[in-house]
């Protein structure tokens, strides 16, 4: 089950931090027990976002790692916005697309 989920996202288990692995396992456990609710997903996204924020605060990584962490944080923020309200999601998506377009 782990491999299937990770394969769909293009991630490898080895690429996850220890805290992300822990969160990932709790998600899978929650799916097995009671299914997933929007509230549970929001809670897990918040946990993963916090993990990335803490790692960004660590100055011991290179600029490539920093860019990777910022991209992940932006993805979590977008997911969080999509689950909050449709209007927030649309605005977040517009900002994300504008950022992509401005970089090209």
PDB file of N, CA and C in Angstrom:
ATOM      1  N   UNK A   1       0.828  -1.194   0.000  1.00  0.00           N
ATOM      2  CA  UNK A   1       0.000   0.000   0.000  1.00  0.00           C
ATOM      3  C   UNK A   1       0.871   1.255   0.000  1.00  0.00           C
ATOM      4  N   UNK A   2       1.953   1.262   0.803  1.00  0.00           N
ATOM      5  CA  UNK A   2       2.853   2.419   0.854  1.00  0.00           C
ATOM      6  C   UNK A   2       3.405   2.740  -0.526  1.00  0.00           C
ATOM      7  N   UNK A   3       3.916   1.704  -1.184  1.00  0.00           N
ATOM      8  CA  UNK A   3       4.552   1.897  -2.486  1.00  0.00           C
ATOM      9  C   UNK A   3       3.584   2.446  -3.516  1.00  0.00           C
ATOM     10  N   UNK A   4       2.349   1.952  -3.490  1.00  0.00           N
ATOM     11  CA  UNK A   4       1.332   2.421  -4.426  1.00  0.00           C
ATOM     12  C   UNK A   4       1.081   3.916  -4.277  1.00  0.00           C
ATOM     13  N   UNK A   5       0.919   4.340  -3.047  1.00  0.00           N
ATOM     14  CA  UNK A   5       0.627   5.751  -2.771  1.00  0.00           C
ATOM     15  C   UNK A   5       1.801   6.620  -3.188  1.00  0.00           C
ATOM     16  N   UNK A   6       2.987   6.223  -2.807  1.00  0.00           N
ATOM     17  CA  UNK A   6       4.173   7.015  -3.145  1.00  0.00           C
ATOM     18  C   UNK A   6       4.417   7.039  -4.651  1.00  0.00           C
ATOM     19  N   UNK A   7       4.175   5.931  -5.305  1.00  0.00           N
ATOM     20  CA  UNK A   7       4.398   5.846  -6.749  1.00  0.00           C
ATOM     21  C   UNK A   7       3.488   6.828  -7.485  1.00  0.00           C
ATOM     22  N   UNK A   8       2.257   6.974  -7.023  1.00  0.00           N
ATOM     23  CA  UNK A   8       1.318   7.899  -7.650  1.00  0.00           C
ATOM     24  C   UNK A   8       1.787   9.341  -7.547  1.00  0.00           C
ATOM     25  N   UNK A   9       2.507   9.665  -6.478  1.00  0.00           N
ATOM     26  CA  UNK A   9       2.978  11.035  -6.277  1.00  0.00           C
ATOM     27  C   UNK A   9       4.369  11.267  -6.835  1.00  0.00           C
ATOM     28  N   UNK A  10       5.044  10.204  -7.242  1.00  0.00           N
ATOM     29  CA  UNK A  10       6.387  10.337  -7.780  1.00  0.00           C
ATOM     30  C   UNK A  10       7.460  10.455  -6.711  1.00  0.00           C
ATOM     31  N   UNK A  11       7.107  10.145  -5.465  1.00  0.00           N
ATOM     32  CA  UNK A  11       8.069  10.213  -4.370  1.00  0.00           C
ATOM     33  C   UNK A  11       8.630   8.837  -4.065  1.00  0.00           C
ATOM     34  N   UNK A  12       9.768   8.834  -3.400  1.00  0.00           N
ATOM     35  CA  UNK A  12      10.352   7.596  -2.902  1.00  0.00           C
ATOM     36  C   UNK A  12      10.353   7.666  -1.382  1.00  0.00           C
ATOM     37  N   UNK A  13      10.129   6.536  -0.751  1.00  0.00           N
ATOM     38  CA  UNK A  13      10.075   6.491   0.705  1.00  0.00           C
ATOM     39  C   UNK A  13      11.367   7.031   1.314  1.00  0.00           C
ATOM     40  N   UNK A  14      12.484   6.742   0.682  1.00  0.00           N
ATOM     41  CA  UNK A  14      13.791   7.168   1.194  1.00  0.00           C
ATOM     42  C   UNK A  14      13.944   8.686   1.180  1.00  0.00           C
ATOM     43  N   UNK A  15      13.192   9.376   0.314  1.00  0.00           N
ATOM     44  CA  UNK A  15      13.284  10.832   0.203  1.00  0.00           C
ATOM     45  C   UNK A  15      12.561  11.559   1.330  1.00  0.00           C
ATOM     46  N   UNK A  16      11.676  10.854   2.036  1.00  0.00           N
ATOM     47  CA  UNK A  16      10.908  11.482   3.105  1.00  0.00           C
ATOM     48  C   UNK A  16      11.769  11.652   4.355  1.00  0.00           C
ATOM     49  N   UNK A  17      11.513  12.735   5.090  1.00  0.00           N
ATOM     50  CA  UNK A  17      12.202  12.920   6.365  1.00  0.00           C
ATOM     51  C   UNK A  17      11.571  11.978   7.382  1.00  0.00           C
ATOM     52  N   UNK A  18      12.204  11.836   8.525  1.00  0.00           N
ATOM     53  CA  UNK A  18      11.661  10.927   9.539  1.00  0.00           C
ATOM     54  C   UNK A  18      10.279  11.379   9.992  1.00  0.00           C
ATOM     55  N   UNK A  19      10.077  12.674  10.117  1.00  0.00           N
ATOM     56  CA  UNK A  19       8.763  13.178  10.542  1.00  0.00           C
ATOM     57  C   UNK A  19       7.716  12.944   9.450  1.00  0.00           C
ATOM     58  N   UNK A  20       8.105  13.100   8.196  1.00  0.00           N
ATOM     59  CA  UNK A  20       7.176  12.840   7.096  1.00  0.00           C
ATOM     60  C   UNK A  20       6.838  11.359   7.014  1.00  0.00           C
ATOM     61  N   UNK A  21       7.818  10.494   7.284  1.00  0.00           N
ATOM     62  CA  UNK A  21       7.548   9.057   7.299  1.00  0.00           C
ATOM     63  C   UNK A  21       6.539   8.722   8.389  1.00  0.00           C
ATOM     64  N   UNK A  22       6.728   9.346   9.540  1.00  0.00           N
ATOM     65  CA  UNK A  22       5.806   9.137  10.654  1.00  0.00           C
ATOM     66  C   UNK A  22       4.391   9.573  10.272  1.00  0.00           C
ATOM     67  N   UNK A  23       4.292  10.738   9.659  1.00  0.00           N
ATOM     68  CA  UNK A  23       2.991  11.260   9.227  1.00  0.00           C
ATOM     69  C   UNK A  23       2.391  10.352   8.169  1.00  0.00           C
ATOM     70  N   UNK A  24       3.205   9.920   7.233  1.00  0.00           N
ATOM     71  CA  UNK A  24       2.752   9.028   6.179  1.00  0.00           C
ATOM     72  C   UNK A  24       2.166   7.745   6.765  1.00  0.00           C
ATOM     73  N   UNK A  25       2.864   7.171   7.738  1.00  0.00           N
ATOM     74  CA  UNK A  25       2.372   5.953   8.387  1.00  0.00           C
ATOM     75  C   UNK A  25       1.050   6.213   9.108  1.00  0.00           C
ATOM     76  N   UNK A  26       0.933   7.363   9.748  1.00  0.00           N
ATOM     77  CA  UNK A  26      -0.321   7.658  10.456  1.00  0.00           C
ATOM     78  C   UNK A  26      -1.471   7.819   9.467  1.00  0.00           C
ATOM     79  N   UNK A  27      -1.195   8.369   8.281  1.00  0.00           N
ATOM     80  CA  UNK A  27      -2.228   8.486   7.246  1.00  0.00           C
ATOM     81  C   UNK A  27      -2.695   7.110   6.813  1.00  0.00           C
ATOM     82  N   UNK A  28      -1.749   6.233   6.544  1.00  0.00           N
ATOM     83  CA  UNK A  28      -2.102   4.888   6.083  1.00  0.00           C
ATOM     84  C   UNK A  28      -2.874   4.149   7.171  1.00  0.00           C
ATOM     85  N   UNK A  29      -2.438   4.295   8.428  1.00  0.00           N
ATOM     86  CA  UNK A  29      -3.153   3.670   9.543  1.00  0.00           C
ATOM     87  C   UNK A  29      -4.574   4.208   9.641  1.00  0.00           C
ATOM     88  N   UNK A  30      -4.728   5.517   9.473  1.00  0.00           N
ATOM     89  CA  UNK A  30      -6.048   6.129   9.537  1.00  0.00           C
ATOM     90  C   UNK A  30      -6.939   5.616   8.407  1.00  0.00           C
ATOM     91  N   UNK A  31      -6.360   5.417   7.226  1.00  0.00           N
ATOM     92  CA  UNK A  31      -7.129   4.894   6.099  1.00  0.00           C
ATOM     93  C   UNK A  31      -7.621   3.482   6.385  1.00  0.00           C
ATOM     94  N   UNK A  32      -6.774   2.698   7.017  1.00  0.00           N
ATOM     95  CA  UNK A  32      -7.143   1.311   7.318  1.00  0.00           C
ATOM     96  C   UNK A  32      -8.240   1.246   8.371  1.00  0.00           C
ATOM     97  N   UNK A  33      -8.173   2.135   9.341  1.00  0.00           N
ATOM     98  CA  UNK A  33      -9.103   2.085  10.467  1.00  0.00           C
ATOM     99  C   UNK A  33     -10.470   2.686  10.147  1.00  0.00           C
ATOM    100  N   UNK A  34     -10.491   3.944   9.768  1.00  0.00           N
ATOM    101  CA  UNK A  34     -11.777   4.625   9.661  1.00  0.00           C
ATOM    102  C   UNK A  34     -11.986   5.376   8.357  1.00  0.00           C
ATOM    103  N   UNK A  35     -11.054   5.341   7.488  1.00  0.00           N
ATOM    104  CA  UNK A  35     -11.161   6.139   6.276  1.00  0.00           C
ATOM    105  C   UNK A  35     -10.603   7.526   6.524  1.00  0.00           C
ATOM    106  N   UNK A  36     -10.581   8.303   5.490  1.00  0.00           N
ATOM    107  CA  UNK A  36     -10.007   9.635   5.597  1.00  0.00           C
ATOM    108  C   UNK A  36     -11.115  10.671   5.567  1.00  0.00           C
ATOM    109  N   UNK A  37     -11.012  11.639   6.462  1.00  0.00           N
ATOM    110  CA  UNK A  37     -11.951  12.757   6.462  1.00  0.00           C
ATOM    111  C   UNK A  37     -11.185  14.024   6.098  1.00  0.00           C
ATOM    112  N   UNK A  38     -11.914  15.041   5.708  1.00  0.00           N
ATOM    113  CA  UNK A  38     -11.287  16.313   5.358  1.00  0.00           C
ATOM    114  C   UNK A  38     -10.532  16.863   6.564  1.00  0.00           C
ATOM    115  N   UNK A  39     -11.102  16.716   7.741  1.00  0.00           N
ATOM    116  CA  UNK A  39     -10.450  17.207   8.960  1.00  0.00           C
ATOM    117  C   UNK A  39      -9.124  16.507   9.198  1.00  0.00           C
ATOM    118  N   UNK A  40      -9.094  15.189   9.015  1.00  0.00           N
ATOM    119  CA  UNK A  40      -7.851  14.444   9.197  1.00  0.00           C
ATOM    120  C   UNK A  40      -6.799  14.879   8.186  1.00  0.00           C
ATOM    121  N   UNK A  41      -7.215  15.086   6.960  1.00  0.00           N
ATOM    122  CA  UNK A  41      -6.274  15.516   5.922  1.00  0.00           C
ATOM    123  C   UNK A  41      -5.729  16.898   6.255  1.00  0.00           C
ATOM    124  N   UNK A  42      -6.596  17.798   6.697  1.00  0.00           N
ATOM    125  CA  UNK A  42      -6.154  19.146   7.086  1.00  0.00           C
ATOM    126  C   UNK A  42      -5.137  19.066   8.226  1.00  0.00           C
ATOM    127  N   UNK A  43      -5.413  18.228   9.206  1.00  0.00           N
ATOM    128  CA  UNK A  43      -4.490  18.068  10.340  1.00  0.00           C
ATOM    129  C   UNK A  43      -3.128  17.559   9.877  1.00  0.00           C
ATOM    130  N   UNK A  44      -3.137  16.594   8.980  1.00  0.00           N
ATOM    131  CA  UNK A  44      -1.874  16.035   8.491  1.00  0.00           C
ATOM    132  C   UNK A  44      -1.113  17.037   7.626  1.00  0.00           C
ATOM    133  N   UNK A  45      -1.829  17.792   6.832  1.00  0.00           N
ATOM    134  CA  UNK A  45      -1.166  18.813   6.017  1.00  0.00           C
ATOM    135  C   UNK A  45      -0.508  19.841   6.927  1.00  0.00           C
ATOM    136  N   UNK A  46      -1.201  20.237   7.976  1.00  0.00           N
ATOM    137  CA  UNK A  46      -0.638  21.187   8.927  1.00  0.00           C
ATOM    138  C   UNK A  46       0.628  20.616   9.574  1.00  0.00           C
ATOM    139  N   UNK A  47       0.596  19.345   9.904  1.00  0.00           N
ATOM    140  CA  UNK A  47       1.760  18.687  10.495  1.00  0.00           C
ATOM    141  C   UNK A  47       2.933  18.654   9.519  1.00  0.00           C
ATOM    142  N   UNK A  48       2.664  18.325   8.281  1.00  0.00           N
ATOM    143  CA  UNK A  48       3.714  18.256   7.273  1.00  0.00           C
ATOM    144  C   UNK A  48       4.262  19.651   6.967  1.00  0.00           C
ATOM    145  N   UNK A  49       3.380  20.634   6.947  1.00  0.00           N
ATOM    146  CA  UNK A  49       3.797  22.013   6.724  1.00  0.00           C
ATOM    147  C   UNK A  49       4.745  22.472   7.834  1.00  0.00           C
ATOM    148  N   UNK A  50       4.388  22.142   9.047  1.00  0.00           N
ATOM    149  CA  UNK A  50       5.218  22.497  10.194  1.00  0.00           C
ATOM    150  C   UNK A  50       6.598  21.849  10.081  1.00  0.00           C
ATOM    151  N   UNK A  51       6.615  20.598   9.653  1.00  0.00           N
ATOM    152  CA  UNK A  51       7.873  19.875   9.488  1.00  0.00           C
ATOM    153  C   UNK A  51       8.785  20.584   8.484  1.00  0.00           C
ATOM    154  N   UNK A  52       8.221  21.011   7.370  1.00  0.00           N
ATOM    155  CA  UNK A  52       8.997  21.710   6.353  1.00  0.00           C
ATOM    156  C   UNK A  52       9.464  23.066   6.879  1.00  0.00           C
ATOM    157  N   UNK A  53       8.602  23.772   7.576  1.00  0.00           N
ATOM    158  CA  UNK A  53       8.972  25.069   8.141  1.00  0.00           C
ATOM    159  C   UNK A  53      10.142  24.927   9.109  1.00  0.00           C
ATOM    160  N   UNK A  54      10.112  23.897   9.925  1.00  0.00           N
ATOM    161  CA  UNK A  54      11.203  23.676  10.872  1.00  0.00           C
ATOM    162  C   UNK A  54      12.506  23.371  10.130  1.00  0.00           C
ATOM    163  N   UNK A  55      12.418  22.582   9.084  1.00  0.00           N
ATOM    164  CA  UNK A  55      13.616  22.247   8.326  1.00  0.00           C
ATOM    165  C   UNK A  55      14.144  23.467   7.565  1.00  0.00           C
ATOM    166  N   UNK A  56      13.246  24.327   7.107  1.00  0.00           N
ATOM    167  CA  UNK A  56      13.680  25.555   6.439  1.00  0.00           C
ATOM    168  C   UNK A  56      14.433  26.470   7.397  1.00  0.00           C
ATOM    169  N   UNK A  57      14.086  26.403   8.660  1.00  0.00           N
ATOM    170  CA  UNK A  57      14.765  27.203   9.671  1.00  0.00           C
ATOM    171  C   UNK A  57      16.186  26.750   9.925  1.00  0.00           C
ATOM    172  N   UNK A  58      16.492  25.535   9.534  1.00  0.00           N
ATOM    173  CA  UNK A  58      17.845  25.000   9.682  1.00  0.00           C
ATOM    174  C   UNK A  58      18.710  25.524   8.541  1.00  0.00           C
ATOM    175  N   UNK A  59      19.796  26.176   8.865  1.00  0.00           N
ATOM    176  CA  UNK A  59      20.646  26.783   7.833  1.00  0.00           C
ATOM    177  C   UNK A  59      21.714  25.829   7.314  1.00  0.00           C
ATOM    178  N   UNK A  60      21.627  24.572   7.663  1.00  0.00           N
ATOM    179  CA  UNK A  60      22.666  23.608   7.287  1.00  0.00           C
ATOM    180  C   UNK A  60      22.402  22.914   5.945  1.00  0.00           C
ATOM    181  N   UNK A  61      21.556  23.449   5.110  1.00  0.00           N
ATOM    182  CA  UNK A  61      21.344  22.813   3.816  1.00  0.00           C
ATOM    183  C   UNK A  61      21.690  23.782   2.690  1.00  0.00           C
ATOM    184  N   UNK A  62      21.904  23.232   1.521  1.00  0.00           N
ATOM    185  CA  UNK A  62      22.326  24.041   0.383  1.00  0.00           C
ATOM    186  C   UNK A  62      21.126  24.702  -0.302  1.00  0.00           C
ATOM    187  N   UNK A  63      21.411  25.530  -1.289  1.00  0.00           N
ATOM    188  CA  UNK A  63      20.341  26.280  -1.952  1.00  0.00           C
ATOM    189  C   UNK A  63      19.389  25.363  -2.719  1.00  0.00           C
ATOM    190  N   UNK A  64      19.897  24.238  -3.228  1.00  0.00           N
ATOM    191  CA  UNK A  64      19.029  23.288  -3.930  1.00  0.00           C
ATOM    192  C   UNK A  64      18.015  22.682  -2.959  1.00  0.00           C
ATOM    193  N   UNK A  65      18.488  22.302  -1.783  1.00  0.00           N
ATOM    194  CA  UNK A  65      17.604  21.741  -0.755  1.00  0.00           C
ATOM    195  C   UNK A  65      16.608  22.808  -0.280  1.00  0.00           C
ATOM    196  N   UNK A  66      17.088  24.027  -0.143  1.00  0.00           N
ATOM    197  CA  UNK A  66      16.239  25.135   0.280  1.00  0.00           C
ATOM    198  C   UNK A  66      15.104  25.355  -0.727  1.00  0.00           C
ATOM    199  N   UNK A  67      15.438  25.339  -2.005  1.00  0.00           N
ATOM    200  CA  UNK A  67      14.442  25.503  -3.059  1.00  0.00           C
ATOM    201  C   UNK A  67      13.423  24.360  -3.023  1.00  0.00           C
ATOM    202  N   UNK A  68      13.917  23.147  -2.823  1.00  0.00           N
ATOM    203  CA  UNK A  68      13.052  21.966  -2.729  1.00  0.00           C
ATOM    204  C   UNK A  68      12.072  22.103  -1.558  1.00  0.00           C
ATOM    205  N   UNK A  69      12.579  22.545  -0.413  1.00  0.00           N
ATOM    206  CA  UNK A  69      11.720  22.701   0.764  1.00  0.00           C
ATOM    207  C   UNK A  69      10.680  23.796   0.550  1.00  0.00           C
ATOM    208  N   UNK A  70      11.081  24.878  -0.075  1.00  0.00           N
ATOM    209  CA  UNK A  70      10.137  25.965  -0.354  1.00  0.00           C
ATOM    210  C   UNK A  70       9.038  25.503  -1.310  1.00  0.00           C
ATOM    211  N   UNK A  71       9.401  24.700  -2.288  1.00  0.00           N
ATOM    212  CA  UNK A  71       8.407  24.166  -3.222  1.00  0.00           C
ATOM    213  C   UNK A  71       7.418  23.262  -2.500  1.00  0.00           C
ATOM    214  N   UNK A  72       7.930  22.409  -1.617  1.00  0.00           N
ATOM    215  CA  UNK A  72       7.041  21.524  -0.843  1.00  0.00           C
ATOM    216  C   UNK A  72       6.116  22.338   0.043  1.00  0.00           C
ATOM    217  N   UNK A  73       6.666  23.364   0.692  1.00  0.00           N
ATOM    218  CA  UNK A  73       5.851  24.210   1.560  1.00  0.00           C
ATOM    219  C   UNK A  73       4.742  24.880   0.755  1.00  0.00           C
ATOM    220  N   UNK A  74       5.077  25.356  -0.424  1.00  0.00           N
ATOM    221  CA  UNK A  74       4.077  26.008  -1.286  1.00  0.00           C
ATOM    222  C   UNK A  74       2.977  25.007  -1.668  1.00  0.00           C
ATOM    223  N   UNK A  75       3.362  23.763  -1.954  1.00  0.00           N
ATOM    224  CA  UNK A  75       2.371  22.732  -2.282  1.00  0.00           C
ATOM    225  C   UNK A  75       1.439  22.464  -1.100  1.00  0.00           C
ATOM    226  N   UNK A  76       2.011  22.368   0.107  1.00  0.00           N
ATOM    227  CA  UNK A  76       1.180  22.145   1.285  1.00  0.00           C
ATOM    228  C   UNK A  76       0.231  23.312   1.510  1.00  0.00           C
ATOM    229  N   UNK A  77       0.723  24.518   1.293  1.00  0.00           N
ATOM    230  CA  UNK A  77      -0.121  25.698   1.462  1.00  0.00           C
ATOM    231  C   UNK A  77      -1.261  25.690   0.453  1.00  0.00           C
ATOM    232  N   UNK A  78      -0.981  25.281  -0.777  1.00  0.00           N
ATOM    233  CA  UNK A  78      -2.007  25.196  -1.801  1.00  0.00           C
ATOM    234  C   UNK A  78      -3.047  24.137  -1.445  1.00  0.00           C
ATOM    235  N   UNK A  79      -2.583  22.974  -0.991  1.00  0.00           N
ATOM    236  CA  UNK A  79      -3.521  21.932  -0.564  1.00  0.00           C
ATOM    237  C   UNK A  79      -4.399  22.410   0.590  1.00  0.00           C
ATOM    238  N   UNK A  80      -3.778  23.073   1.533  1.00  0.00           N
ATOM    239  CA  UNK A  80      -4.517  23.601   2.676  1.00  0.00           C
ATOM    240  C   UNK A  80      -5.580  24.597   2.223  1.00  0.00           C
ATOM    241  N   UNK A  81      -5.221  25.450   1.299  1.00  0.00           N
ATOM    242  CA  UNK A  81      -6.167  26.436   0.779  1.00  0.00           C
ATOM    243  C   UNK A  81      -7.318  25.756   0.037  1.00  0.00           C
ATOM    244  N   UNK A  82      -6.993  24.719  -0.720  1.00  0.00           N
ATOM    245  CA  UNK A  82      -8.032  24.016  -1.472  1.00  0.00           C
ATOM    246  C   UNK A  82      -9.048  23.356  -0.551  1.00  0.00           C
ATOM    247  N   UNK A  83      -8.584  22.910   0.607  1.00  0.00           N
ATOM    248  CA  UNK A  83      -9.494  22.261   1.545  1.00  0.00           C
ATOM    249  C   UNK A  83     -10.264  23.267   2.399  1.00  0.00           C
ATOM    250  N   UNK A  84      -9.753  24.486   2.490  1.00  0.00           N
ATOM    251  CA  UNK A  84     -10.397  25.489   3.338  1.00  0.00           C
ATOM    252  C   UNK A  84     -11.653  26.039   2.686  1.00  0.00           C
ATOM    253  N   UNK A  85     -11.485  26.701   1.578  1.00  0.00           N
ATOM    254  CA  UNK A  85     -12.644  27.250   0.861  1.00  0.00           C
ATOM    255  C   UNK A  85     -12.330  27.287  -0.621  1.00  0.00           C
ATOM    256  N   UNK A  86     -13.342  27.136  -1.440  1.00  0.00           N
ATOM    257  CA  UNK A  86     -13.104  27.190  -2.883  1.00  0.00           C
ATOM    258  C   UNK A  86     -12.513  28.531  -3.337  1.00  0.00           C
ATOM    259  N   UNK A  87     -12.948  29.612  -2.717  1.00  0.00           N
ATOM    260  CA  UNK A  87     -12.434  30.929  -3.112  1.00  0.00           C
ATOM    261  C   UNK A  87     -10.947  31.049  -2.800  1.00  0.00           C
ATOM    262  N   UNK A  88     -10.555  30.605  -1.602  1.00  0.00           N
ATOM    263  CA  UNK A  88      -9.143  30.641  -1.230  1.00  0.00           C
ATOM    264  C   UNK A  88      -8.326  29.769  -2.174  1.00  0.00           C
ATOM    265  N   UNK A  89      -8.871  28.640  -2.530  1.00  0.00           N
ATOM    266  CA  UNK A  89      -8.166  27.724  -3.426  1.00  0.00           C
ATOM    267  C   UNK A  89      -7.943  28.369  -4.783  1.00  0.00           C
ATOM    268  N   UNK A  90      -8.961  29.038  -5.299  1.00  0.00           N
ATOM    269  CA  UNK A  90      -8.836  29.686  -6.602  1.00  0.00           C
ATOM    270  C   UNK A  90      -7.777  30.782  -6.578  1.00  0.00           C
ATOM    271  N   UNK A  91      -7.775  31.569  -5.504  1.00  0.00           N
ATOM    272  CA  UNK A  91      -6.780  32.639  -5.379  1.00  0.00           C
ATOM    273  C   UNK A  91      -5.373  32.062  -5.259  1.00  0.00           C
ATOM    274  N   UNK A  92      -5.223  31.004  -4.469  1.00  0.00           N
ATOM    275  CA  UNK A  92      -3.911  30.373  -4.298  1.00  0.00           C
ATOM    276  C   UNK A  92      -3.429  29.782  -5.613  1.00  0.00           C
ATOM    277  N   UNK A  93      -4.327  29.160  -6.343  1.00  0.00           N
ATOM    278  CA  UNK A  93      -3.977  28.584  -7.638  1.00  0.00           C
ATOM    279  C   UNK A  93      -3.576  29.682  -8.618  1.00  0.00           C
ATOM    280  N   UNK A  94      -4.315  30.785  -8.632  1.00  0.00           N
ATOM    281  CA  UNK A  94      -3.973  31.914  -9.498  1.00  0.00           C
ATOM    282  C   UNK A  94      -2.593  32.464  -9.177  1.00  0.00           C
ATOM    283  N   UNK A  95      -2.287  32.617  -7.873  1.00  0.00           N
ATOM    284  CA  UNK A  95      -0.971  33.117  -7.469  1.00  0.00           C
ATOM    285  C   UNK A  95       0.124  32.141  -7.869  1.00  0.00           C
ATOM    286  N   UNK A  96      -0.119  30.850  -7.680  1.00  0.00           N
ATOM    287  CA  UNK A  96       0.886  29.848  -8.027  1.00  0.00           C
ATOM    288  C   UNK A  96       1.152  29.863  -9.529  1.00  0.00           C
ATOM    289  N   UNK A  97       0.096  29.933 -10.313  1.00  0.00           N
ATOM    290  CA  UNK A  97       0.264  29.964 -11.774  1.00  0.00           C
ATOM    291  C   UNK A  97       0.955  31.245 -12.221  1.00  0.00           C
ATOM    292  N   UNK A  98       0.619  32.353 -11.597  1.00  0.00           N
ATOM    293  CA  UNK A  98       1.271  33.622 -11.926  1.00  0.00           C
ATOM    294  C   UNK A  98       2.765  33.535 -11.629  1.00  0.00           C
ATOM    295  N   UNK A  99       3.120  32.886 -10.532  1.00  0.00           N
ATOM    296  CA  UNK A  99       4.520  32.708 -10.176  1.00  0.00           C
ATOM    297  C   UNK A  99       5.259  31.858 -11.183  1.00  0.00           C
ATOM    298  N   UNK A 100       4.607  30.821 -11.681  1.00  0.00           N
ATOM    299  CA  UNK A 100       5.220  29.942 -12.680  1.00  0.00           C
ATOM    300  C   UNK A 100       5.428  30.709 -13.984  1.00  0.00           C
ATOM    301  N   UNK A 101       4.416  31.447 -14.389  1.00  0.00           N
ATOM    302  CA  UNK A 101       4.484  32.194 -15.642  1.00  0.00           C
ATOM    303  C   UNK A 101       5.551  33.271 -15.577  1.00  0.00           C
ATOM    304  N   UNK A 102       5.667  33.956 -14.442  1.00  0.00           N
ATOM    305  CA  UNK A 102       6.651  35.039 -14.317  1.00  0.00           C
ATOM    306  C   UNK A 102       8.084  34.521 -14.338  1.00  0.00           C
ATOM    307  N   UNK A 103       8.296  33.257 -13.996  1.00  0.00           N
ATOM    308  CA  UNK A 103       9.644  32.674 -13.992  1.00  0.00           C
ATOM    309  C   UNK A 103      10.097  32.238 -15.369  1.00  0.00           C
ATOM    310  N   UNK A 104       9.165  32.141 -16.313  1.00  0.00           N
ATOM    311  CA  UNK A 104       9.514  31.672 -17.670  1.00  0.00           C
ATOM    312  C   UNK A 104       9.920  32.823 -18.548  1.00  0.00           C
TER     313      UNK A 104
END
